[in-house]
Amino acid sequence: MTDEKMTIAVCIPTFHRPKMLAEALKSLVDLKTPDKTSIHLFICDNDPNGESKSVVNSHQESLPFDLTYLIEPKRGIVHIRNRLLKEVEGFDFLAFMDDDECADAEWIVGLFQTSQKFNAQAVAGRVIYELPKQAAKWLFDRDFYNGGVPVTGSKMRGASTNNVLIDLNFVKKHGLKFHEAFNMSGGSDSFFFREVRKEGGVIVSCQEAITYESVPETRAREEWILNRAYKSAVSEYKRNRIRKGVFKASLIAISYAFWLLICYVFGHMIYPFSSYSYKVFNRRRWRKVKAIFNSMRGGDHIEYGVIHGE
């Protein structure tokens, strides 16, 4: 038996959202540390001028653990995530959260205890999305943000870096990194966690590990939801193209597009009896069809060209 503590690196990528980052850091002041572990916080700023440094400095003394501020000058989410992977190589675990989230006090405790109980290589926590009070009513009628996870311990096909704990020894053993093909389009985390499963890793859920995300007005709109669906379809095609080759990826994409079209047509037929939230849900199918055929022609999507929030 050894009394040596396991180490957890909490990592927050950030870019031009100082107000949101400040709220994220405030939420970590009361963060509880799991037994027999130690925490170190890493903030990685994608602004070469270090816009967020003053925010980090102003909160550093209030935090109950050490903090390292980094600047990654190469633009793009993949460069930030891979920089953080490199910086925390000596740690046992990495916990990702976004700069527009606030963590529950039991966040890390939930992730860590679940990873130990189920011997999981990644644990996906639960994100609770908080819509603006002035958001349209139909946005509250259907979950367009997909923040839920199944019962704690359920095996999952994937995860996102907005709330996740990763076993770094597993990552190092299999040489896993975030793929640069998704640098500006988004989807690198989905691809990463599919690679975790491909290498035999287990991903489980944890409902008790909660982060809260305040949805800015620019994301509480129909067009953003439709664009998100477009991005999802583009990312899926790219993932299949990388893993299976162009021919198989195209066959999968065409089959999926055909199914979406059938669903869209039938969905459109019941519009007179449908809620507005359902109509938006159905329009997402058509947007995905457009994304699939655009991707097959070599088109891409830029997810990180616009900053949402402050």
C-alpha atoms as a PDB file:
ATOM      1  CA  MET A   1       0.000   0.000   0.000  1.00  0.00           C
ATOM      2  CA  THR A   2       1.160   3.538  -0.679  1.00  0.00           C
ATOM      3  CA  ASP A   3       0.050   6.899   0.669  1.00  0.00           C
ATOM      4  CA  GLU A   4       1.093   8.705  -2.495  1.00  0.00           C
ATOM      5  CA  LYS A   5      -1.707  10.891  -3.820  1.00  0.00           C
ATOM      6  CA  MET A   6      -3.073  10.595  -7.318  1.00  0.00           C
ATOM      7  CA  THR A   7      -2.891  13.827  -9.269  1.00  0.00           C
ATOM      8  CA  ILE A   8      -5.692  15.494 -11.213  1.00  0.00           C
ATOM      9  CA  ALA A   9      -5.130  18.306 -13.711  1.00  0.00           C
ATOM     10  CA  VAL A  10      -8.227  20.454 -14.159  1.00  0.00           C
ATOM     11  CA  CYS A  11      -7.940  22.088 -17.583  1.00  0.00           C
ATOM     12  CA  ILE A  12      -9.863  25.050 -19.009  1.00  0.00           C
ATOM     13  CA  PRO A  13      -9.197  26.237 -22.581  1.00  0.00           C
ATOM     14  CA  THR A  14     -10.195  29.874 -23.127  1.00  0.00           C
ATOM     15  CA  PHE A  15     -10.384  32.469 -25.887  1.00  0.00           C
ATOM     16  CA  HIS A  16     -11.789  36.023 -25.662  1.00  0.00           C
ATOM     17  CA  ARG A  17     -14.333  35.264 -22.925  1.00  0.00           C
ATOM     18  CA  PRO A  18     -12.867  36.933 -19.820  1.00  0.00           C
ATOM     19  CA  LYS A  19     -16.197  37.504 -18.031  1.00  0.00           C
ATOM     20  CA  MET A  20     -17.230  33.887 -18.409  1.00  0.00           C
ATOM     21  CA  LEU A  21     -13.777  32.677 -17.392  1.00  0.00           C
ATOM     22  CA  ALA A  22     -14.005  34.799 -14.232  1.00  0.00           C
ATOM     23  CA  GLU A  23     -17.288  33.075 -13.310  1.00  0.00           C
ATOM     24  CA  ALA A  24     -15.761  29.665 -14.020  1.00  0.00           C
ATOM     25  CA  LEU A  25     -12.844  30.419 -11.692  1.00  0.00           C
ATOM     26  CA  LYS A  26     -15.185  31.664  -8.954  1.00  0.00           C
ATOM     27  CA  SER A  27     -17.037  28.351  -9.076  1.00  0.00           C
ATOM     28  CA  LEU A  28     -13.798  26.459  -8.424  1.00  0.00           C
ATOM     29  CA  VAL A  29     -13.110  28.241  -5.134  1.00  0.00           C
ATOM     30  CA  ASP A  30     -15.362  25.775  -3.280  1.00  0.00           C
ATOM     31  CA  LEU A  31     -14.406  22.736  -5.364  1.00  0.00           C
ATOM     32  CA  LYS A  32     -13.986  19.656  -3.162  1.00  0.00           C
ATOM     33  CA  THR A  33     -10.961  17.424  -3.649  1.00  0.00           C
ATOM     34  CA  PRO A  34     -11.443  13.637  -3.660  1.00  0.00           C
ATOM     35  CA  ASP A  35      -9.672  11.688  -0.916  1.00  0.00           C
ATOM     36  CA  LYS A  36      -6.058  10.760  -1.650  1.00  0.00           C
ATOM     37  CA  THR A  37      -5.801  13.132  -4.606  1.00  0.00           C
ATOM     38  CA  SER A  38      -4.349  16.566  -5.334  1.00  0.00           C
ATOM     39  CA  ILE A  39      -5.549  19.088  -7.912  1.00  0.00           C
ATOM     40  CA  HIS A  40      -3.663  21.490 -10.153  1.00  0.00           C
ATOM     41  CA  LEU A  41      -5.528  23.947 -12.377  1.00  0.00           C
ATOM     42  CA  PHE A  42      -4.335  24.775 -15.902  1.00  0.00           C
ATOM     43  CA  ILE A  43      -5.756  27.666 -17.925  1.00  0.00           C
ATOM     44  CA  CYS A  44      -4.735  27.674 -21.595  1.00  0.00           C
ATOM     45  CA  ASP A  45      -5.364  30.938 -23.448  1.00  0.00           C
ATOM     46  CA  ASN A  46      -5.553  30.879 -27.255  1.00  0.00           C
ATOM     47  CA  ASP A  47      -4.906  34.632 -27.431  1.00  0.00           C
ATOM     48  CA  PRO A  48      -1.190  35.282 -28.161  1.00  0.00           C
ATOM     49  CA  ASN A  49      -1.487  38.558 -26.244  1.00  0.00           C
ATOM     50  CA  GLY A  50      -2.668  36.805 -23.106  1.00  0.00           C
ATOM     51  CA  GLU A  51      -5.986  38.621 -22.759  1.00  0.00           C
ATOM     52  CA  SER A  52      -7.113  36.409 -19.871  1.00  0.00           C
ATOM     53  CA  LYS A  53      -3.970  36.699 -17.764  1.00  0.00           C
ATOM     54  CA  SER A  54      -5.300  39.558 -15.640  1.00  0.00           C
ATOM     55  CA  VAL A  55      -8.495  37.587 -14.936  1.00  0.00           C
ATOM     56  CA  VAL A  56      -6.480  34.561 -13.860  1.00  0.00           C
ATOM     57  CA  ASN A  57      -4.167  36.648 -11.674  1.00  0.00           C
ATOM     58  CA  SER A  58      -7.103  38.300  -9.910  1.00  0.00           C
ATOM     59  CA  HIS A  59      -8.553  34.910  -8.875  1.00  0.00           C
ATOM     60  CA  GLN A  60      -5.367  32.935  -8.234  1.00  0.00           C
ATOM     61  CA  GLU A  61      -5.085  33.630  -4.498  1.00  0.00           C
ATOM     62  CA  SER A  62      -8.685  32.614  -3.791  1.00  0.00           C
ATOM     63  CA  LEU A  63      -8.284  29.158  -5.311  1.00  0.00           C
ATOM     64  CA  PRO A  64      -7.476  26.230  -2.979  1.00  0.00           C
ATOM     65  CA  PHE A  65      -4.953  24.651  -5.368  1.00  0.00           C
ATOM     66  CA  ASP A  66      -2.035  25.640  -7.593  1.00  0.00           C
ATOM     67  CA  LEU A  67      -2.677  27.260 -10.950  1.00  0.00           C
ATOM     68  CA  THR A  68      -0.654  27.426 -14.168  1.00  0.00           C
ATOM     69  CA  TYR A  69      -1.503  29.921 -16.902  1.00  0.00           C
ATOM     70  CA  LEU A  70      -0.458  29.008 -20.442  1.00  0.00           C
ATOM     71  CA  ILE A  71      -0.641  30.715 -23.817  1.00  0.00           C
ATOM     72  CA  GLU A  72      -1.092  28.624 -26.959  1.00  0.00           C
ATOM     73  CA  PRO A  73      -0.441  30.947 -29.920  1.00  0.00           C
ATOM     74  CA  LYS A  74      -1.585  28.508 -32.638  1.00  0.00           C
ATOM     75  CA  ARG A  75      -5.230  29.295 -33.357  1.00  0.00           C
ATOM     76  CA  GLY A  76      -7.756  26.522 -32.926  1.00  0.00           C
ATOM     77  CA  ILE A  77      -9.341  24.273 -30.325  1.00  0.00           C
ATOM     78  CA  VAL A  78      -7.230  21.233 -31.240  1.00  0.00           C
ATOM     79  CA  HIS A  79      -3.984  23.129 -30.630  1.00  0.00           C
ATOM     80  CA  ILE A  80      -5.207  24.172 -27.173  1.00  0.00           C
ATOM     81  CA  ARG A  81      -6.353  20.690 -26.200  1.00  0.00           C
ATOM     82  CA  ASN A  82      -3.158  19.025 -27.406  1.00  0.00           C
ATOM     83  CA  ARG A  83      -1.051  21.658 -25.632  1.00  0.00           C
ATOM     84  CA  LEU A  84      -2.852  20.819 -22.410  1.00  0.00           C
ATOM     85  CA  LEU A  85      -2.338  17.080 -22.982  1.00  0.00           C
ATOM     86  CA  LYS A  86       1.373  17.746 -23.336  1.00  0.00           C
ATOM     87  CA  GLU A  87       1.572  19.990 -20.272  1.00  0.00           C
ATOM     88  CA  VAL A  88      -0.124  17.481 -17.954  1.00  0.00           C
ATOM     89  CA  GLU A  89       1.706  14.326 -19.075  1.00  0.00           C
ATOM     90  CA  GLY A  90       2.977  13.629 -15.543  1.00  0.00           C
ATOM     91  CA  PHE A  91      -0.496  13.674 -13.979  1.00  0.00           C
ATOM     92  CA  ASP A  92      -2.754  10.679 -13.422  1.00  0.00           C
ATOM     93  CA  PHE A  93      -5.991  12.277 -14.625  1.00  0.00           C
ATOM     94  CA  LEU A  94      -7.144  15.227 -16.685  1.00  0.00           C
ATOM     95  CA  ALA A  95     -10.526  16.879 -16.117  1.00  0.00           C
ATOM     96  CA  PHE A  96     -11.776  19.197 -18.858  1.00  0.00           C
ATOM     97  CA  MET A  97     -14.371  21.922 -18.458  1.00  0.00           C
ATOM     98  CA  ASP A  98     -15.167  24.907 -20.685  1.00  0.00           C
ATOM     99  CA  ASP A  99     -14.576  28.567 -19.900  1.00  0.00           C
ATOM    100  CA  ASP A 100     -18.324  29.276 -20.119  1.00  0.00           C
ATOM    101  CA  GLU A 101     -19.203  26.778 -17.381  1.00  0.00           C
ATOM    102  CA  CYS A 102     -19.399  26.785 -13.615  1.00  0.00           C
ATOM    103  CA  ALA A 103     -18.604  23.640 -11.644  1.00  0.00           C
ATOM    104  CA  ASP A 104     -20.623  22.188  -8.804  1.00  0.00           C
ATOM    105  CA  ALA A 105     -18.608  21.759  -5.602  1.00  0.00           C
ATOM    106  CA  GLU A 106     -18.819  17.948  -5.929  1.00  0.00           C
ATOM    107  CA  TRP A 107     -17.865  17.943  -9.631  1.00  0.00           C
ATOM    108  CA  ILE A 108     -14.413  16.356  -9.429  1.00  0.00           C
ATOM    109  CA  VAL A 109     -15.411  14.080  -6.554  1.00  0.00           C
ATOM    110  CA  GLY A 110     -18.181  12.617  -8.694  1.00  0.00           C
ATOM    111  CA  LEU A 111     -15.971  12.118 -11.739  1.00  0.00           C
ATOM    112  CA  PHE A 112     -13.093  10.581  -9.792  1.00  0.00           C
ATOM    113  CA  GLN A 113     -15.152   8.247  -7.618  1.00  0.00           C
ATOM    114  CA  THR A 114     -17.022   7.001 -10.686  1.00  0.00           C
ATOM    115  CA  SER A 115     -13.777   6.345 -12.560  1.00  0.00           C
ATOM    116  CA  GLN A 116     -12.483   4.278  -9.641  1.00  0.00           C
ATOM    117  CA  LYS A 117     -15.727   2.380  -9.030  1.00  0.00           C
ATOM    118  CA  PHE A 118     -16.202   1.342 -12.662  1.00  0.00           C
ATOM    119  CA  ASN A 119     -12.519   1.173 -13.674  1.00  0.00           C
ATOM    120  CA  ALA A 120     -13.266   3.599 -16.499  1.00  0.00           C
ATOM    121  CA  GLN A 121     -10.756   5.318 -18.764  1.00  0.00           C
ATOM    122  CA  ALA A 122     -13.102   8.308 -19.184  1.00  0.00           C
ATOM    123  CA  VAL A 123     -16.074   9.594 -17.234  1.00  0.00           C
ATOM    124  CA  ALA A 124     -18.629  11.951 -18.782  1.00  0.00           C
ATOM    125  CA  GLY A 125     -20.384  14.285 -16.383  1.00  0.00           C
ATOM    126  CA  ARG A 126     -23.691  16.102 -16.702  1.00  0.00           C
ATOM    127  CA  VAL A 127     -23.990  19.618 -18.133  1.00  0.00           C
ATOM    128  CA  ILE A 128     -27.025  21.653 -17.124  1.00  0.00           C
ATOM    129  CA  TYR A 129     -27.757  24.341 -19.701  1.00  0.00           C
ATOM    130  CA  GLU A 130     -29.316  27.528 -18.356  1.00  0.00           C
ATOM    131  CA  LEU A 131     -31.224  29.423 -21.028  1.00  0.00           C
ATOM    132  CA  PRO A 132     -31.642  33.214 -20.938  1.00  0.00           C
ATOM    133  CA  LYS A 133     -34.874  34.293 -19.278  1.00  0.00           C
ATOM    134  CA  GLN A 134     -35.924  36.091 -22.455  1.00  0.00           C
ATOM    135  CA  ALA A 135     -35.362  33.002 -24.642  1.00  0.00           C
ATOM    136  CA  ALA A 136     -38.253  31.917 -26.836  1.00  0.00           C
ATOM    137  CA  LYS A 137     -40.671  29.519 -25.123  1.00  0.00           C
ATOM    138  CA  TRP A 138     -40.147  26.747 -27.692  1.00  0.00           C
ATOM    139  CA  LEU A 139     -36.511  26.423 -26.583  1.00  0.00           C
ATOM    140  CA  PHE A 140     -37.735  25.153 -23.201  1.00  0.00           C
ATOM    141  CA  ASP A 141     -40.020  22.537 -24.775  1.00  0.00           C
ATOM    142  CA  ARG A 142     -37.254  20.300 -26.149  1.00  0.00           C
ATOM    143  CA  ASP A 143     -33.622  19.613 -25.244  1.00  0.00           C
ATOM    144  CA  PHE A 144     -31.647  21.096 -28.123  1.00  0.00           C
ATOM    145  CA  TYR A 145     -28.386  21.187 -26.161  1.00  0.00           C
ATOM    146  CA  ASN A 146     -28.026  17.504 -25.208  1.00  0.00           C
ATOM    147  CA  GLY A 147     -26.636  17.986 -21.721  1.00  0.00           C
ATOM    148  CA  GLY A 148     -28.034  14.838 -20.130  1.00  0.00           C
ATOM    149  CA  VAL A 149     -26.243  11.570 -19.384  1.00  0.00           C
ATOM    150  CA  PRO A 150     -27.748   8.195 -18.436  1.00  0.00           C
ATOM    151  CA  VAL A 151     -27.645   6.613 -14.987  1.00  0.00           C
ATOM    152  CA  THR A 152     -24.223   6.800 -13.339  1.00  0.00           C
ATOM    153  CA  GLY A 153     -21.992   3.955 -14.482  1.00  0.00           C
ATOM    154  CA  SER A 154     -23.761   3.456 -17.817  1.00  0.00           C
ATOM    155  CA  LYS A 155     -21.372   2.710 -20.655  1.00  0.00           C
ATOM    156  CA  MET A 156     -21.298   5.463 -23.279  1.00  0.00           C
ATOM    157  CA  ARG A 157     -20.223   5.632 -26.910  1.00  0.00           C
ATOM    158  CA  GLY A 158     -18.462   8.958 -26.448  1.00  0.00           C
ATOM    159  CA  ALA A 159     -18.015  12.114 -24.424  1.00  0.00           C
ATOM    160  CA  SER A 160     -17.308  15.823 -24.768  1.00  0.00           C
ATOM    161  CA  THR A 161     -14.576  17.962 -23.242  1.00  0.00           C
ATOM    162  CA  ASN A 162     -17.063  20.273 -21.554  1.00  0.00           C
ATOM    163  CA  ASN A 163     -17.292  17.887 -18.592  1.00  0.00           C
ATOM    164  CA  VAL A 164     -15.073  14.825 -18.552  1.00  0.00           C
ATOM    165  CA  LEU A 165     -12.333  13.033 -16.629  1.00  0.00           C
ATOM    166  CA  ILE A 166      -9.660  11.179 -18.618  1.00  0.00           C
ATOM    167  CA  ASP A 167      -7.150   8.539 -17.482  1.00  0.00           C
ATOM    168  CA  LEU A 168      -3.852  10.009 -18.694  1.00  0.00           C
ATOM    169  CA  ASN A 169      -1.941   6.758 -18.300  1.00  0.00           C
ATOM    170  CA  PHE A 170      -4.292   5.207 -20.862  1.00  0.00           C
ATOM    171  CA  VAL A 171      -3.867   8.217 -23.166  1.00  0.00           C
ATOM    172  CA  LYS A 172      -0.082   7.985 -22.934  1.00  0.00           C
ATOM    173  CA  LYS A 173      -0.038   4.210 -23.457  1.00  0.00           C
ATOM    174  CA  HIS A 174      -1.976   4.506 -26.726  1.00  0.00           C
ATOM    175  CA  GLY A 175      -0.493   7.797 -27.923  1.00  0.00           C
ATOM    176  CA  LEU A 176      -3.886   9.498 -28.192  1.00  0.00           C
ATOM    177  CA  LYS A 177      -4.200  13.104 -29.364  1.00  0.00           C
ATOM    178  CA  PHE A 178      -6.895  15.402 -30.703  1.00  0.00           C
ATOM    179  CA  HIS A 179      -7.003  15.236 -34.506  1.00  0.00           C
ATOM    180  CA  GLU A 180      -6.077  18.439 -36.346  1.00  0.00           C
ATOM    181  CA  ALA A 181      -8.660  17.815 -39.078  1.00  0.00           C
ATOM    182  CA  PHE A 182     -11.241  19.139 -36.590  1.00  0.00           C
ATOM    183  CA  ASN A 183      -9.276  22.196 -35.491  1.00  0.00           C
ATOM    184  CA  MET A 184     -11.765  24.844 -36.617  1.00  0.00           C
ATOM    185  CA  SER A 185     -14.809  22.733 -37.459  1.00  0.00           C
ATOM    186  CA  GLY A 186     -15.332  21.164 -34.053  1.00  0.00           C
ATOM    187  CA  GLY A 187     -15.795  17.479 -33.325  1.00  0.00           C
ATOM    188  CA  SER A 188     -12.247  16.678 -32.224  1.00  0.00           C
ATOM    189  CA  ASP A 189     -13.476  15.557 -28.813  1.00  0.00           C
ATOM    190  CA  SER A 190     -16.022  13.164 -30.354  1.00  0.00           C
ATOM    191  CA  PHE A 191     -13.255  11.656 -32.510  1.00  0.00           C
ATOM    192  CA  PHE A 192     -10.874  11.459 -29.528  1.00  0.00           C
ATOM    193  CA  PHE A 193     -13.287   9.516 -27.353  1.00  0.00           C
ATOM    194  CA  ARG A 194     -14.156   7.146 -30.164  1.00  0.00           C
ATOM    195  CA  GLU A 195     -10.416   6.429 -30.350  1.00  0.00           C
ATOM    196  CA  VAL A 196     -10.485   5.761 -26.598  1.00  0.00           C
ATOM    197  CA  ARG A 197     -13.142   3.109 -27.182  1.00  0.00           C
ATOM    198  CA  LYS A 198     -11.311   1.753 -30.226  1.00  0.00           C
ATOM    199  CA  GLU A 199      -8.269   1.093 -28.020  1.00  0.00           C
ATOM    200  CA  GLY A 200     -10.389  -0.787 -25.489  1.00  0.00           C
ATOM    201  CA  GLY A 201     -11.144   2.072 -23.131  1.00  0.00           C
ATOM    202  CA  VAL A 202     -14.381   2.250 -21.174  1.00  0.00           C
ATOM    203  CA  ILE A 203     -16.384   5.487 -21.007  1.00  0.00           C
ATOM    204  CA  VAL A 204     -19.096   5.756 -18.363  1.00  0.00           C
ATOM    205  CA  SER A 205     -21.537   8.417 -17.222  1.00  0.00           C
ATOM    206  CA  CYS A 206     -21.786  10.281 -13.935  1.00  0.00           C
ATOM    207  CA  GLN A 207     -24.959  12.235 -13.193  1.00  0.00           C
ATOM    208  CA  GLU A 208     -23.541  13.601  -9.941  1.00  0.00           C
ATOM    209  CA  ALA A 209     -20.626  15.386 -11.667  1.00  0.00           C
ATOM    210  CA  ILE A 210     -22.381  18.601 -12.695  1.00  0.00           C
ATOM    211  CA  THR A 211     -21.309  21.721 -14.524  1.00  0.00           C
ATOM    212  CA  TYR A 212     -23.618  24.603 -15.391  1.00  0.00           C
ATOM    213  CA  GLU A 213     -23.463  26.438 -18.703  1.00  0.00           C
ATOM    214  CA  SER A 214     -25.208  29.756 -19.228  1.00  0.00           C
ATOM    215  CA  VAL A 215     -26.393  29.808 -22.830  1.00  0.00           C
ATOM    216  CA  PRO A 216     -25.727  33.240 -24.388  1.00  0.00           C
ATOM    217  CA  GLU A 217     -28.428  34.894 -26.467  1.00  0.00           C
ATOM    218  CA  THR A 218     -26.520  34.158 -29.675  1.00  0.00           C
ATOM    219  CA  ARG A 219     -26.895  30.431 -28.992  1.00  0.00           C
ATOM    220  CA  ALA A 220     -30.530  30.640 -27.905  1.00  0.00           C
ATOM    221  CA  ARG A 221     -31.685  31.008 -31.501  1.00  0.00           C
ATOM    222  CA  GLU A 222     -33.038  28.723 -34.179  1.00  0.00           C
ATOM    223  CA  GLU A 223     -30.236  29.453 -36.634  1.00  0.00           C
ATOM    224  CA  TRP A 224     -27.556  28.455 -34.115  1.00  0.00           C
ATOM    225  CA  ILE A 225     -29.375  25.183 -33.435  1.00  0.00           C
ATOM    226  CA  LEU A 226     -29.588  24.449 -37.160  1.00  0.00           C
ATOM    227  CA  ASN A 227     -25.926  25.315 -37.662  1.00  0.00           C
ATOM    228  CA  ARG A 228     -25.042  23.016 -34.772  1.00  0.00           C
ATOM    229  CA  ALA A 229     -26.825  20.194 -36.561  1.00  0.00           C
ATOM    230  CA  TYR A 230     -24.884  21.046 -39.732  1.00  0.00           C
ATOM    231  CA  LYS A 231     -21.619  20.926 -37.791  1.00  0.00           C
ATOM    232  CA  SER A 232     -22.559  17.566 -36.262  1.00  0.00           C
ATOM    233  CA  ALA A 233     -23.136  15.999 -39.685  1.00  0.00           C
ATOM    234  CA  VAL A 234     -19.907  17.452 -41.093  1.00  0.00           C
ATOM    235  CA  SER A 235     -17.946  16.072 -38.139  1.00  0.00           C
ATOM    236  CA  GLU A 236     -19.533  12.645 -38.469  1.00  0.00           C
ATOM    237  CA  TYR A 237     -18.575  12.407 -42.133  1.00  0.00           C
ATOM    238  CA  LYS A 238     -15.011  13.512 -41.391  1.00  0.00           C
ATOM    239  CA  ARG A 239     -14.693  10.942 -38.600  1.00  0.00           C
ATOM    240  CA  ASN A 240     -15.843   8.147 -40.899  1.00  0.00           C
ATOM    241  CA  ARG A 241     -13.616   9.347 -43.739  1.00  0.00           C
ATOM    242  CA  ILE A 242     -10.542   9.267 -41.488  1.00  0.00           C
ATOM    243  CA  ARG A 243     -11.319   5.891 -39.941  1.00  0.00           C
ATOM    244  CA  LYS A 244     -12.970   4.039 -42.839  1.00  0.00           C
ATOM    245  CA  GLY A 245     -11.821   5.819 -46.012  1.00  0.00           C
ATOM    246  CA  VAL A 246     -13.740   7.943 -48.513  1.00  0.00           C
ATOM    247  CA  PHE A 247     -15.727   5.125 -50.156  1.00  0.00           C
ATOM    248  CA  LYS A 248     -17.161   3.615 -46.949  1.00  0.00           C
ATOM    249  CA  ALA A 249     -17.702   7.042 -45.425  1.00  0.00           C
ATOM    250  CA  SER A 250     -19.669   8.120 -48.487  1.00  0.00           C
ATOM    251  CA  LEU A 251     -21.863   4.995 -48.413  1.00  0.00           C
ATOM    252  CA  ILE A 252     -22.636   5.583 -44.736  1.00  0.00           C
ATOM    253  CA  ALA A 253     -23.326   9.267 -45.366  1.00  0.00           C
ATOM    254  CA  ILE A 254     -25.668   8.615 -48.314  1.00  0.00           C
ATOM    255  CA  SER A 255     -27.613   6.002 -46.334  1.00  0.00           C
ATOM    256  CA  TYR A 256     -27.948   8.362 -43.411  1.00  0.00           C
ATOM    257  CA  ALA A 257     -28.986  11.257 -45.662  1.00  0.00           C
ATOM    258  CA  PHE A 258     -31.663   9.083 -47.280  1.00  0.00           C
ATOM    259  CA  TRP A 259     -33.051   8.145 -43.854  1.00  0.00           C
ATOM    260  CA  LEU A 260     -33.014  11.805 -42.756  1.00  0.00           C
ATOM    261  CA  LEU A 261     -34.898  12.810 -45.908  1.00  0.00           C
ATOM    262  CA  ILE A 262     -37.626  10.238 -45.257  1.00  0.00           C
ATOM    263  CA  CYS A 263     -37.969  11.440 -41.657  1.00  0.00           C
ATOM    264  CA  TYR A 264     -37.970  15.073 -42.787  1.00  0.00           C
ATOM    265  CA  VAL A 265     -40.726  14.541 -45.366  1.00  0.00           C
ATOM    266  CA  PHE A 266     -42.988  12.721 -42.915  1.00  0.00           C
ATOM    267  CA  GLY A 267     -42.163  15.282 -40.242  1.00  0.00           C
ATOM    268  CA  HIS A 268     -43.078  18.100 -42.587  1.00  0.00           C
ATOM    269  CA  MET A 269     -46.439  16.488 -43.331  1.00  0.00           C
ATOM    270  CA  ILE A 270     -47.533  16.831 -39.696  1.00  0.00           C
ATOM    271  CA  TYR A 271     -46.470  20.492 -39.362  1.00  0.00           C
ATOM    272  CA  PRO A 272     -50.110  21.695 -39.004  1.00  0.00           C
ATOM    273  CA  PHE A 273     -50.359  19.614 -35.814  1.00  0.00           C
ATOM    274  CA  SER A 274     -46.822  20.215 -34.530  1.00  0.00           C
ATOM    275  CA  SER A 275     -45.296  22.536 -31.971  1.00  0.00           C
ATOM    276  CA  TYR A 276     -42.696  25.043 -33.106  1.00  0.00           C
ATOM    277  CA  SER A 277     -39.996  23.133 -31.226  1.00  0.00           C
ATOM    278  CA  TYR A 278     -40.805  20.036 -33.293  1.00  0.00           C
ATOM    279  CA  LYS A 279     -40.613  22.056 -36.514  1.00  0.00           C
ATOM    280  CA  VAL A 280     -37.136  23.244 -35.554  1.00  0.00           C
ATOM    281  CA  PHE A 281     -36.191  19.675 -34.649  1.00  0.00           C
ATOM    282  CA  ASN A 282     -37.356  18.514 -38.069  1.00  0.00           C
ATOM    283  CA  ARG A 283     -35.521  21.319 -39.873  1.00  0.00           C
ATOM    284  CA  ARG A 284     -32.346  20.055 -38.230  1.00  0.00           C
ATOM    285  CA  ARG A 285     -32.718  16.917 -40.349  1.00  0.00           C
ATOM    286  CA  TRP A 286     -32.751  18.930 -43.573  1.00  0.00           C
ATOM    287  CA  ARG A 287     -29.734  20.939 -42.430  1.00  0.00           C
ATOM    288  CA  LYS A 288     -27.861  17.703 -41.792  1.00  0.00           C
ATOM    289  CA  VAL A 289     -28.690  16.456 -45.295  1.00  0.00           C
ATOM    290  CA  LYS A 290     -27.202  19.636 -46.751  1.00  0.00           C
ATOM    291  CA  ALA A 291     -24.107  19.181 -44.591  1.00  0.00           C
ATOM    292  CA  ILE A 292     -23.608  15.594 -45.719  1.00  0.00           C
ATOM    293  CA  PHE A 293     -23.640  16.369 -49.430  1.00  0.00           C
ATOM    294  CA  ASN A 294     -21.526  19.484 -48.962  1.00  0.00           C
ATOM    295  CA  SER A 295     -18.956  17.427 -47.039  1.00  0.00           C
ATOM    296  CA  MET A 296     -18.855  14.800 -49.750  1.00  0.00           C
ATOM    297  CA  ARG A 297     -18.011  17.553 -52.237  1.00  0.00           C
ATOM    298  CA  GLY A 298     -15.094  18.642 -50.069  1.00  0.00           C
ATOM    299  CA  GLY A 299     -16.836  21.363 -48.074  1.00  0.00           C
ATOM    300  CA  ASP A 300     -16.123  22.036 -44.413  1.00  0.00           C
ATOM    301  CA  HIS A 301     -17.605  23.972 -41.506  1.00  0.00           C
ATOM    302  CA  ILE A 302     -16.021  26.672 -39.331  1.00  0.00           C
ATOM    303  CA  GLU A 303     -17.406  26.323 -35.814  1.00  0.00           C
ATOM    304  CA  TYR A 304     -14.924  28.547 -34.028  1.00  0.00           C
ATOM    305  CA  GLY A 305     -15.073  31.601 -36.273  1.00  0.00           C
ATOM    306  CA  VAL A 306     -17.599  33.312 -34.005  1.00  0.00           C
ATOM    307  CA  ILE A 307     -17.201  33.825 -30.252  1.00  0.00           C
ATOM    308  CA  HIS A 308     -20.394  33.309 -28.255  1.00  0.00           C
ATOM    309  CA  GLY A 309     -20.450  35.075 -24.898  1.00  0.00           C
ATOM    310  CA  GLU A 310     -18.007  37.443 -23.250  1.00  0.00           C
END
